Amino acid sequence: MARRFWKVGTTSGNNGCPTLYTEPGSDTYVVQGDPVTDPAELAQLDLADGEAAVTVPRELLANFGPKEPVHAPQTISFDEFDGMFTTLKYSAWRLETRRRYAWDEQQDTYHRFLEHGRVDWDLDDPWCQERREQAALGKAFQRVRILDEPPTEGQRYLLDNARRNSAVGETIRVLARSKADELHLPREDFWLFDARVVALLHFDQDDEMTGVELITDPVEVLRYAQAREAAWHHAVPYDQAPGNLPM
């Protein structure tokens, strides 16, 4: 069944363009404007297959668009989240804040680490191959891992895992939790992609990752980018931990 739209407002004279419509009972808007067709202009836009862009004057949105901001969490599937690591253009940066990750403890490598204190990592598994390929394209993958003093069992496992990360092109640094608290860093895990979108990772009380929320509001993204700058500046290479952790 075709959707029905209500006209919200227009700045046109008599040709109907540009105009803003809404779908009754929803927060969906339809924008009517002049289509963007120039290939050079379209190349500057992050359009997915089937998407289109139009141009409208600022006054259309200023006069008839919604006036109050609404926080509507934008969640994505784990498959969509995984895809972001190949569609990014420049960089992916992560802050890891947790004392343990349930997913890690389910891996055979975790139990080998507990038994031997070290893991012989398989650097040719699918994850390593993909990360190595993306890094070879010049994309930067960086992480700062927060460590307790002394590090927890799970954090020591990730210190060993950093050898694997580094072997496939990632750069890993670590930071003492006391220093992270002093810097007022976020206490949630997140990825920052291309310095323009944040993937906030949600966990339950059992340390299982339950979902991924995208943050695209420039003001909020800036807050996470500032946290990245502070964390990266004060953190040290992982192979200097824990004796040389900045306190």
Protein backbone atom coordinates (compact mmCIF):
# COMPACT_ATOMS: atom_id res chain seq x y z
CA MET A 1 0.00 0.00 0.00
CA ALA A 2 1.34 3.41 -0.93
CA ARG A 3 2.18 5.73 1.93
CA ARG A 4 0.28 8.99 2.33
CA PHE A 5 2.17 12.26 2.81
CA TRP A 6 1.17 15.63 4.19
CA LYS A 7 2.71 18.81 2.87
CA VAL A 8 4.54 20.59 5.69
CA GLY A 9 5.68 23.63 3.76
CA THR A 10 7.20 24.95 0.57
CA THR A 11 9.29 27.86 -0.66
CA SER A 12 8.20 27.41 -4.26
CA GLY A 13 5.98 29.69 -6.22
CA ASN A 14 3.74 27.45 -8.27
CA ASN A 15 5.87 24.53 -9.45
CA GLY A 16 5.82 22.57 -6.17
CA CYS A 17 9.58 22.46 -5.74
CA PRO A 18 11.14 22.62 -3.21
CA THR A 19 8.71 21.16 -0.68
CA LEU A 20 8.90 19.29 2.61
CA TYR A 21 6.44 16.47 3.36
CA THR A 22 5.88 14.25 6.37
CA GLU A 23 4.33 10.82 6.80
CA PRO A 24 1.49 11.11 9.35
CA GLY A 25 2.11 9.16 12.52
CA SER A 26 5.85 8.84 11.97
CA ASP A 27 9.05 10.85 12.21
CA THR A 28 9.74 10.39 8.51
CA TYR A 29 10.14 13.33 6.14
CA VAL A 30 10.27 13.46 2.34
CA VAL A 31 12.19 16.27 0.68
CA GLN A 32 11.34 17.39 -2.86
CA GLY A 33 14.08 19.32 -4.59
CA ASP A 34 16.32 19.54 -7.61
CA PRO A 35 18.17 16.23 -8.08
CA VAL A 36 21.95 16.11 -7.88
CA THR A 37 23.09 14.44 -11.09
CA ASP A 38 26.62 15.69 -11.74
CA PRO A 39 28.97 12.67 -11.33
CA ALA A 40 31.67 14.84 -9.74
CA GLU A 41 29.19 16.09 -7.14
CA LEU A 42 27.73 12.64 -6.47
CA ALA A 43 31.24 11.28 -5.90
CA GLN A 44 31.52 13.59 -2.87
CA LEU A 45 28.46 12.04 -1.20
CA ASP A 46 28.30 8.79 0.75
CA LEU A 47 25.31 7.41 -1.11
CA ALA A 48 24.38 3.74 -0.91
CA ASP A 49 22.87 1.85 -3.83
CA GLY A 50 19.36 3.11 -4.56
CA GLU A 51 19.85 6.41 -2.69
CA ALA A 52 19.54 9.85 -4.29
CA ALA A 53 20.25 13.44 -3.27
CA VAL A 54 18.39 16.69 -3.90
CA THR A 55 19.20 20.32 -3.23
CA VAL A 56 16.85 22.67 -1.39
CA PRO A 57 17.27 26.20 -0.04
CA ARG A 58 18.20 26.55 3.61
CA GLU A 59 14.97 28.40 4.43
CA LEU A 60 12.89 25.33 3.56
CA LEU A 61 14.46 23.34 6.39
CA ALA A 62 14.82 26.33 8.71
CA ASN A 63 11.18 27.33 8.37
CA PHE A 64 9.44 23.97 8.10
CA GLY A 65 11.84 21.36 9.51
CA PRO A 66 11.55 20.04 13.08
CA LYS A 67 12.76 22.56 15.65
CA GLU A 68 13.50 20.34 18.65
CA PRO A 69 16.32 17.78 18.60
CA VAL A 70 15.21 14.20 19.21
CA HIS A 71 17.62 11.56 20.41
CA ALA A 72 16.77 8.39 18.56
CA PRO A 73 19.47 5.75 19.05
CA GLN A 74 20.61 4.41 15.71
CA THR A 75 21.51 0.77 16.16
CA ILE A 76 23.10 -1.46 13.55
CA SER A 77 23.52 -5.23 13.28
CA PHE A 78 26.80 -6.95 14.05
CA ASP A 79 27.18 -7.74 10.34
CA GLU A 80 26.76 -4.06 9.48
CA PHE A 81 29.28 -3.18 12.16
CA ASP A 82 31.81 -5.66 10.75
CA GLY A 83 31.31 -4.11 7.32
CA MET A 84 32.43 -0.70 8.58
CA PHE A 85 36.00 -1.99 8.85
CA THR A 86 36.22 -2.41 5.10
CA THR A 87 34.15 0.59 4.00
CA LEU A 88 36.04 3.15 6.10
CA LYS A 89 38.23 5.54 4.12
CA TYR A 90 41.02 6.57 6.44
CA SER A 91 41.07 5.34 10.02
CA ALA A 92 39.45 3.35 12.81
CA TRP A 93 40.34 4.09 16.42
CA ARG A 94 39.14 2.24 19.51
CA LEU A 95 39.09 2.85 23.24
CA GLU A 96 38.89 -0.40 25.26
CA THR A 97 37.84 0.24 28.83
CA ARG A 98 36.52 -3.02 30.25
CA ARG A 99 38.17 -5.35 32.75
CA ARG A 100 36.99 -8.44 30.90
CA TYR A 101 35.22 -9.45 27.70
CA ALA A 102 33.05 -12.56 27.78
CA TRP A 103 33.76 -13.20 24.10
CA ASP A 104 37.51 -13.48 24.77
CA GLU A 105 36.96 -16.06 27.49
CA GLN A 106 35.06 -18.27 25.06
CA GLN A 107 38.08 -18.61 22.75
CA ASP A 108 40.52 -21.51 22.77
CA THR A 109 43.36 -19.00 22.72
CA TYR A 110 42.22 -17.63 26.07
CA HIS A 111 42.57 -21.00 27.73
CA ARG A 112 45.95 -21.55 26.07
CA PHE A 113 47.05 -18.21 27.48
CA LEU A 114 45.96 -19.20 31.00
CA GLU A 115 47.89 -22.44 30.69
CA HIS A 116 51.07 -21.19 29.02
CA GLY A 117 51.07 -17.42 29.55
CA ARG A 118 51.46 -16.86 25.82
CA VAL A 119 49.64 -17.74 22.58
CA ASP A 120 51.03 -18.73 19.21
CA TRP A 121 48.63 -16.64 17.17
CA ASP A 122 47.34 -17.75 13.79
CA LEU A 123 48.13 -14.76 11.60
CA ASP A 124 46.40 -16.23 8.55
CA ASP A 125 42.87 -16.57 9.91
CA PRO A 126 40.13 -14.58 8.10
CA TRP A 127 40.20 -11.68 10.57
CA CYS A 128 43.96 -11.27 10.24
CA GLN A 129 43.83 -11.49 6.47
CA GLU A 130 41.15 -8.81 6.22
CA ARG A 131 42.89 -6.44 8.64
CA ARG A 132 46.22 -6.90 6.86
CA GLU A 133 44.59 -6.16 3.49
CA GLN A 134 42.91 -3.00 4.79
CA ALA A 135 46.10 -1.76 6.45
CA ALA A 136 47.98 -2.35 3.19
CA LEU A 137 45.61 0.17 1.58
CA GLY A 138 46.98 2.84 3.91
CA LYS A 139 44.12 2.77 6.42
CA ALA A 140 45.10 3.29 10.06
CA PHE A 141 43.84 0.97 12.81
CA GLN A 142 44.67 2.10 16.34
CA ARG A 143 43.60 1.18 19.86
CA VAL A 144 44.17 2.34 23.39
CA ARG A 145 43.56 -0.31 26.04
CA ILE A 146 42.89 0.79 29.60
CA LEU A 147 44.74 -1.35 32.14
CA ASP A 148 44.03 -1.76 35.82
CA GLU A 149 46.91 -1.77 38.27
CA PRO A 150 47.74 -4.62 38.28
CA PRO A 151 46.12 -5.72 34.98
CA THR A 152 43.26 -8.20 35.18
CA GLU A 153 43.49 -11.65 33.67
CA GLY A 154 41.51 -10.52 30.65
CA GLN A 155 43.70 -7.45 30.19
CA ARG A 156 46.87 -9.57 30.32
CA TYR A 157 45.36 -11.77 27.61
CA LEU A 158 44.78 -8.69 25.46
CA LEU A 159 48.36 -7.57 26.05
CA ASP A 160 49.48 -10.83 24.49
CA ASN A 161 46.84 -10.41 21.78
CA ALA A 162 48.42 -7.05 20.94
CA ARG A 163 51.27 -8.96 19.29
CA ARG A 164 48.69 -10.34 16.86
CA ASN A 165 47.11 -6.91 16.32
CA SER A 166 50.49 -5.38 15.57
CA ALA A 167 51.50 -8.15 13.20
CA VAL A 168 48.56 -7.35 10.90
CA GLY A 169 48.99 -3.58 10.88
CA GLU A 170 47.30 -2.22 14.00
CA THR A 171 48.98 0.12 16.48
CA ILE A 172 48.24 -0.67 20.13
CA ARG A 173 48.88 1.57 23.09
CA VAL A 174 47.95 1.18 26.75
CA LEU A 175 47.02 3.55 29.53
CA ALA A 176 46.65 3.08 33.29
CA ARG A 177 43.07 3.35 34.51
CA SER A 178 44.11 5.94 37.09
CA LYS A 179 45.41 8.14 34.28
CA ALA A 180 42.26 7.55 32.22
CA ASP A 181 40.15 8.68 35.18
CA GLU A 182 42.35 11.73 35.64
CA LEU A 183 41.80 12.62 31.98
CA HIS A 184 38.02 12.06 32.36
CA LEU A 185 38.00 9.64 29.44
CA PRO A 186 34.71 7.92 28.58
CA ARG A 187 34.08 4.71 30.47
CA GLU A 188 32.41 3.02 27.53
CA ASP A 189 34.04 1.18 24.65
CA PHE A 190 33.78 2.80 21.25
CA TRP A 191 35.23 2.90 17.76
CA LEU A 192 35.75 6.20 15.94
CA PHE A 193 35.61 5.81 12.15
CA ASP A 194 37.17 8.46 9.91
CA ALA A 195 36.72 10.97 12.76
CA ARG A 196 33.09 11.41 11.70
CA VAL A 197 31.05 8.55 13.15
CA VAL A 198 31.23 6.76 16.51
CA ALA A 199 30.25 3.14 17.01
CA LEU A 200 29.33 2.88 20.71
CA LEU A 201 29.56 -0.70 21.97
CA HIS A 202 26.94 -1.83 24.48
CA PHE A 203 27.57 -4.62 27.01
CA ASP A 204 25.40 -6.34 29.59
CA GLN A 205 26.24 -7.09 33.22
CA ASP A 206 27.92 -10.34 32.14
CA ASP A 207 30.31 -8.49 29.82
CA GLU A 208 28.63 -9.80 26.66
CA MET A 209 28.43 -7.28 23.83
CA THR A 210 24.74 -6.74 23.14
CA GLY A 211 24.63 -4.10 20.43
CA VAL A 212 26.23 -1.28 18.49
CA GLU A 213 24.88 2.27 18.44
CA LEU A 214 26.00 4.79 15.83
CA ILE A 215 26.57 8.41 16.85
CA THR A 216 26.78 10.93 14.00
CA ASP A 217 25.87 14.21 15.74
CA PRO A 218 28.99 16.35 15.07
CA VAL A 219 28.94 17.77 18.60
CA GLU A 220 28.92 14.30 20.15
CA VAL A 221 31.49 12.96 17.68
CA LEU A 222 33.79 15.84 18.61
CA ARG A 223 33.60 14.80 22.27
CA TYR A 224 34.82 11.32 21.40
CA ALA A 225 37.47 12.71 19.06
CA GLN A 226 38.79 14.85 21.91
CA ALA A 227 38.92 11.76 24.12
CA ARG A 228 40.92 10.03 21.41
CA GLU A 229 43.45 12.87 21.30
CA ALA A 230 43.97 12.82 25.06
CA ALA A 231 44.18 9.03 25.31
CA TRP A 232 46.56 8.66 22.37
CA HIS A 233 48.83 11.41 23.67
CA HIS A 234 49.23 9.90 27.14
CA ALA A 235 49.22 6.20 26.25
CA VAL A 236 52.40 4.21 25.63
CA PRO A 237 53.16 1.31 23.25
CA TYR A 238 51.77 -1.96 24.61
CA ASP A 239 55.20 -3.58 24.91
CA GLN A 240 56.10 -1.00 27.56
CA ALA A 241 53.35 -2.25 29.89
CA PRO A 242 52.91 -2.60 32.75
CA GLY A 243 56.21 -1.35 34.16
CA ASN A 244 56.28 1.83 32.08
CA LEU A 245 52.60 2.72 32.24
CA PRO A 246 52.01 6.48 32.56
CA MET A 247 50.58 7.12 36.02
